[in-house]
Amino acid sequence: MGNIEFSEGISETLDILNHMDKLYTDKIPRSFKEFLENNKSANYISNLDHSKKINEMNLKEKTKDILATIYINYWCNPQQKVDYNNLLKQNERKYQDKLREKYNPDNIFKR
């Protein structure tokens, strides 16, 4: 199942890249583009509405993961990488805090 989700995410990613400015797609190494092409789904057809902004599209989680990888590795300048990594760390801390609050053994029996 994971491979299907991943290959469908790759298909959506390629659809997005095919609708992007060449300025951005040229920054992605040919080897990575070939990897995407070789691992995309043979059956999945992406139905993305390209008139919408990317954050308004109903993207698969794997698509978001792949785009995040492309963003951090190929499109960010050094300062943007630092900012992006800080944002990821901040989001992870918030997520861990929520888990700690939800599953805190001291609070489980209070409910």
C-alpha atoms as a PDB file:
ATOM      1  CA  MET A   1       0.000   0.000   0.000  1.00  0.00           C
ATOM      2  CA  GLY A   2       2.835   2.405   0.777  1.00  0.00           C
ATOM      3  CA  ASN A   3       4.235   2.004  -2.718  1.00  0.00           C
ATOM      4  CA  ILE A   4       0.885   2.861  -4.288  1.00  0.00           C
ATOM      5  CA  GLU A   5       0.559   6.009  -2.187  1.00  0.00           C
ATOM      6  CA  PHE A   6       4.140   6.986  -2.999  1.00  0.00           C
ATOM      7  CA  SER A   7       3.778   6.400  -6.753  1.00  0.00           C
ATOM      8  CA  GLU A   8       0.512   8.373  -6.805  1.00  0.00           C
ATOM      9  CA  GLY A   9       2.217  11.184  -4.876  1.00  0.00           C
ATOM     10  CA  ILE A  10       4.981  11.169  -7.468  1.00  0.00           C
ATOM     11  CA  SER A  11       2.386  11.414 -10.240  1.00  0.00           C
ATOM     12  CA  GLU A  12       0.799  14.447  -8.591  1.00  0.00           C
ATOM     13  CA  THR A  13       4.224  15.990  -8.040  1.00  0.00           C
ATOM     14  CA  LEU A  14       5.100  15.565 -11.717  1.00  0.00           C
ATOM     15  CA  ASP A  15       1.773  17.118 -12.680  1.00  0.00           C
ATOM     16  CA  ILE A  16       2.586  20.141 -10.526  1.00  0.00           C
ATOM     17  CA  LEU A  17       6.141  20.388 -11.867  1.00  0.00           C
ATOM     18  CA  ASN A  18       4.835  20.224 -15.444  1.00  0.00           C
ATOM     19  CA  HIS A  19       2.756  23.328 -14.730  1.00  0.00           C
ATOM     20  CA  MET A  20       5.574  25.287 -13.093  1.00  0.00           C
ATOM     21  CA  ASP A  21       7.922  27.880 -14.483  1.00  0.00           C
ATOM     22  CA  LYS A  22      11.042  26.396 -16.061  1.00  0.00           C
ATOM     23  CA  LEU A  23      13.109  28.575 -13.718  1.00  0.00           C
ATOM     24  CA  TYR A  24      12.145  26.248 -10.855  1.00  0.00           C
ATOM     25  CA  THR A  25      12.152  22.915 -12.649  1.00  0.00           C
ATOM     26  CA  ASP A  26      15.630  23.549 -14.073  1.00  0.00           C
ATOM     27  CA  LYS A  27      16.982  23.630 -10.506  1.00  0.00           C
ATOM     28  CA  ILE A  28      15.976  20.001  -9.971  1.00  0.00           C
ATOM     29  CA  PRO A  29      18.716  17.557 -11.017  1.00  0.00           C
ATOM     30  CA  ARG A  30      18.012  15.380 -14.024  1.00  0.00           C
ATOM     31  CA  SER A  31      18.682  12.249 -11.951  1.00  0.00           C
ATOM     32  CA  PHE A  32      15.915  13.189  -9.496  1.00  0.00           C
ATOM     33  CA  LYS A  33      13.498  13.938 -12.333  1.00  0.00           C
ATOM     34  CA  GLU A  34      14.319  10.545 -13.846  1.00  0.00           C
ATOM     35  CA  PHE A  35      13.703   8.910 -10.463  1.00  0.00           C
ATOM     36  CA  LEU A  36      10.267  10.544 -10.356  1.00  0.00           C
ATOM     37  CA  GLU A  37       9.445   9.482 -13.906  1.00  0.00           C
ATOM     38  CA  ASN A  38      10.561   5.899 -13.249  1.00  0.00           C
ATOM     39  CA  ASN A  39       8.520   5.611 -10.050  1.00  0.00           C
ATOM     40  CA  LYS A  40       5.277   7.375 -10.931  1.00  0.00           C
ATOM     41  CA  SER A  41       2.019   5.474 -10.992  1.00  0.00           C
ATOM     42  CA  ALA A  42       1.154   3.927 -14.326  1.00  0.00           C
ATOM     43  CA  ASN A  43      -2.576   4.059 -13.557  1.00  0.00           C
ATOM     44  CA  TYR A  44      -3.182   7.147 -11.438  1.00  0.00           C
ATOM     45  CA  ILE A  45      -4.410  10.266 -13.212  1.00  0.00           C
ATOM     46  CA  SER A  46      -3.951  13.480 -11.298  1.00  0.00           C
ATOM     47  CA  ASN A  47      -7.003  15.735 -11.368  1.00  0.00           C
ATOM     48  CA  LEU A  48      -5.488  18.860  -9.851  1.00  0.00           C
ATOM     49  CA  ASP A  49      -7.036  22.235 -10.523  1.00  0.00           C
ATOM     50  CA  HIS A  50      -4.062  24.336 -11.603  1.00  0.00           C
ATOM     51  CA  SER A  51      -6.081  27.532 -11.467  1.00  0.00           C
ATOM     52  CA  LYS A  52      -5.806  27.257  -7.661  1.00  0.00           C
ATOM     53  CA  LYS A  53      -2.789  28.066  -5.515  1.00  0.00           C
ATOM     54  CA  ILE A  54      -0.832  25.021  -4.449  1.00  0.00           C
ATOM     55  CA  ASN A  55      -1.933  25.353  -0.809  1.00  0.00           C
ATOM     56  CA  GLU A  56      -5.568  25.338  -1.966  1.00  0.00           C
ATOM     57  CA  MET A  57      -5.205  22.083  -3.905  1.00  0.00           C
ATOM     58  CA  ASN A  58      -6.326  18.824  -2.368  1.00  0.00           C
ATOM     59  CA  LEU A  59      -2.902  17.152  -2.488  1.00  0.00           C
ATOM     60  CA  LYS A  60      -1.996  13.713  -1.211  1.00  0.00           C
ATOM     61  CA  GLU A  61       0.242  13.672   1.866  1.00  0.00           C
ATOM     62  CA  LYS A  62       3.024  11.962  -0.109  1.00  0.00           C
ATOM     63  CA  THR A  63       2.830  14.747  -2.706  1.00  0.00           C
ATOM     64  CA  LYS A  64       3.323  17.313   0.043  1.00  0.00           C
ATOM     65  CA  ASP A  65       6.285  15.325   1.368  1.00  0.00           C
ATOM     66  CA  ILE A  66       7.931  15.149  -2.057  1.00  0.00           C
ATOM     67  CA  LEU A  67       7.346  18.848  -2.724  1.00  0.00           C
ATOM     68  CA  ALA A  68       8.805  19.712   0.682  1.00  0.00           C
ATOM     69  CA  THR A  69      11.884  17.659  -0.172  1.00  0.00           C
ATOM     70  CA  ILE A  70      12.261  19.441  -3.500  1.00  0.00           C
ATOM     71  CA  TYR A  71      11.747  22.819  -1.845  1.00  0.00           C
ATOM     72  CA  ILE A  72      14.353  22.347   0.874  1.00  0.00           C
ATOM     73  CA  ASN A  73      16.954  20.680  -1.365  1.00  0.00           C
ATOM     74  CA  TYR A  74      16.681  22.591  -4.627  1.00  0.00           C
ATOM     75  CA  TRP A  75      14.747  25.840  -4.273  1.00  0.00           C
ATOM     76  CA  CYS A  76      15.762  27.301  -0.907  1.00  0.00           C
ATOM     77  CA  ASN A  77      18.635  29.671  -0.377  1.00  0.00           C
ATOM     78  CA  PRO A  78      20.670  29.075   2.813  1.00  0.00           C
ATOM     79  CA  GLN A  79      18.595  31.454   4.951  1.00  0.00           C
ATOM     80  CA  GLN A  80      15.331  29.939   3.732  1.00  0.00           C
ATOM     81  CA  LYS A  81      16.660  26.483   4.651  1.00  0.00           C
ATOM     82  CA  VAL A  82      17.381  27.663   8.190  1.00  0.00           C
ATOM     83  CA  ASP A  83      13.934  29.268   8.466  1.00  0.00           C
ATOM     84  CA  TYR A  84      12.212  26.195   7.033  1.00  0.00           C
ATOM     85  CA  ASN A  85      14.051  23.815   9.358  1.00  0.00           C
ATOM     86  CA  ASN A  86      13.168  26.030  12.326  1.00  0.00           C
ATOM     87  CA  LEU A  87       9.518  25.928  11.268  1.00  0.00           C
ATOM     88  CA  LEU A  88       9.647  22.130  11.039  1.00  0.00           C
ATOM     89  CA  LYS A  89      11.201  21.901  14.507  1.00  0.00           C
ATOM     90  CA  GLN A  90       8.593  24.275  15.933  1.00  0.00           C
ATOM     91  CA  ASN A  91       5.759  22.241  14.400  1.00  0.00           C
ATOM     92  CA  GLU A  92       7.251  19.013  15.752  1.00  0.00           C
ATOM     93  CA  ARG A  93       7.483  20.517  19.250  1.00  0.00           C
ATOM     94  CA  LYS A  94       3.819  21.569  19.088  1.00  0.00           C
ATOM     95  CA  TYR A  95       2.825  18.106  17.924  1.00  0.00           C
ATOM     96  CA  GLN A  96       4.829  16.423  20.693  1.00  0.00           C
ATOM     97  CA  ASP A  97       3.319  18.777  23.289  1.00  0.00           C
ATOM     98  CA  LYS A  98      -0.179  17.831  22.135  1.00  0.00           C
ATOM     99  CA  LEU A  99       0.668  14.147  22.367  1.00  0.00           C
ATOM    100  CA  ARG A 100       2.158  14.607  25.828  1.00  0.00           C
ATOM    101  CA  GLU A 101      -0.937  16.461  26.975  1.00  0.00           C
ATOM    102  CA  LYS A 102      -3.300  13.908  25.459  1.00  0.00           C
ATOM    103  CA  TYR A 103      -1.494  10.814  26.742  1.00  0.00           C
ATOM    104  CA  ASN A 104      -0.050  12.127  29.983  1.00  0.00           C
ATOM    105  CA  PRO A 105      -0.376   9.268  32.479  1.00  0.00           C
ATOM    106  CA  ASP A 106      -1.177  11.744  35.260  1.00  0.00           C
ATOM    107  CA  ASN A 107      -4.212  13.005  33.368  1.00  0.00           C
ATOM    108  CA  ILE A 108      -5.533   9.788  31.821  1.00  0.00           C
ATOM    109  CA  PHE A 109      -7.460   8.740  34.916  1.00  0.00           C
ATOM    110  CA  LYS A 110      -8.856  12.194  35.650  1.00  0.00           C
ATOM    111  CA  ARG A 111     -11.335  11.801  32.790  1.00  0.00           C
END
